[in-house]
Amino acid sequence: MSNASKITFGLCCMTSVGIIGYVHYKQSYDRQQLHLGVIRDIERQERRKAENVYILQQQTELAKELRRQELLRENDT
């Protein structure tokens, strides 16, 4: 084999190994990003749930206050 063919073969092998390595790296990176997306979605859902519970509590307190005020008005008349 000539030197040129050896060099060409070596470069082709190194390029192939580099491409395969990059594809594996990119695949694991993409999986990590997808997993982080799921975690962020779960955190967002929990925050929304907590906000909804807080709003519900506020509405319940406001409804109780409104009932008290209505009872006071009925008793005054």
Protein backbone atom coordinates (compact mmCIF):
# COMPACT_ATOMS: atom_id res chain seq x y z
CA MET A 1 0.00 0.00 0.00
CA SER A 2 1.21 3.46 -0.78
CA ASN A 3 1.57 6.21 1.80
CA ALA A 4 -1.25 8.20 0.22
CA SER A 5 -3.67 5.30 0.55
CA LYS A 6 -2.61 4.70 4.17
CA ILE A 7 -3.15 8.37 5.00
CA THR A 8 -6.52 8.38 3.24
CA PHE A 9 -7.58 5.22 5.05
CA GLY A 10 -6.47 6.64 8.40
CA LEU A 11 -8.31 9.92 7.83
CA CYS A 12 -11.47 8.06 6.82
CA CYS A 13 -11.30 5.91 9.97
CA MET A 14 -10.71 8.94 12.21
CA THR A 15 -13.57 10.81 10.56
CA SER A 16 -15.90 7.84 11.02
CA VAL A 17 -14.95 7.48 14.68
CA GLY A 18 -15.42 11.23 15.17
CA ILE A 19 -18.87 11.16 13.57
CA ILE A 20 -19.96 8.14 15.61
CA GLY A 21 -18.68 9.78 18.81
CA TYR A 22 -20.50 13.01 18.03
CA VAL A 23 -23.76 11.18 17.29
CA HIS A 24 -23.58 9.32 20.62
CA TYR A 25 -22.76 12.54 22.48
CA LYS A 26 -25.60 14.42 20.76
CA GLN A 27 -28.06 11.61 21.51
CA SER A 28 -27.24 11.60 25.23
CA TYR A 29 -27.38 15.41 25.33
CA ASP A 30 -30.82 15.41 23.66
CA ARG A 31 -32.09 12.81 26.14
CA GLN A 32 -30.86 14.98 29.02
CA GLN A 33 -32.64 18.03 27.61
CA LEU A 34 -35.87 16.06 27.16
CA HIS A 35 -35.66 14.83 30.74
CA LEU A 36 -35.08 18.39 32.00
CA GLY A 37 -38.12 19.48 30.02
CA VAL A 38 -40.25 16.89 31.79
CA ILE A 39 -38.94 18.02 35.17
CA ARG A 40 -39.70 21.67 34.33
CA ASP A 41 -43.23 20.71 33.25
CA ILE A 42 -43.83 18.88 36.53
CA GLU A 43 -42.55 21.86 38.54
CA ARG A 44 -44.77 24.21 36.51
CA GLN A 45 -47.80 22.00 37.17
CA GLU A 46 -47.07 21.94 40.90
CA ARG A 47 -46.74 25.75 40.96
CA ARG A 48 -50.05 26.14 39.14
CA LYS A 49 -51.70 23.72 41.54
CA ALA A 50 -50.39 25.67 44.54
CA GLU A 51 -51.57 28.95 42.99
CA ASN A 52 -55.00 27.47 42.33
CA VAL A 53 -55.29 26.25 45.92
CA TYR A 54 -54.30 29.71 47.17
CA ILE A 55 -56.87 31.40 44.93
CA LEU A 56 -59.53 28.94 46.06
CA GLN A 57 -58.76 29.72 49.71
CA GLN A 58 -59.02 33.44 49.01
CA GLN A 59 -62.34 32.98 47.26
CA THR A 60 -63.66 30.90 50.16
CA GLU A 61 -62.66 33.60 52.64
CA LEU A 62 -64.26 36.29 50.49
CA ALA A 63 -67.46 34.25 50.21
CA LYS A 64 -67.59 33.86 54.01
CA GLU A 65 -67.06 37.59 54.47
CA LEU A 66 -69.80 38.35 51.96
CA ARG A 67 -72.21 36.03 53.79
CA ARG A 68 -71.37 37.74 57.10
CA GLN A 69 -72.04 41.14 55.58
CA GLU A 70 -75.34 39.96 54.09
CA LEU A 71 -76.42 38.55 57.48
CA LEU A 72 -75.55 41.85 59.16
CA ARG A 73 -77.60 43.77 56.57
CA GLU A 74 -80.56 41.41 57.04
CA ASN A 75 -80.37 41.80 60.81
CA ASP A 76 -80.21 45.61 60.53
CA THR A 77 -83.41 45.78 58.48
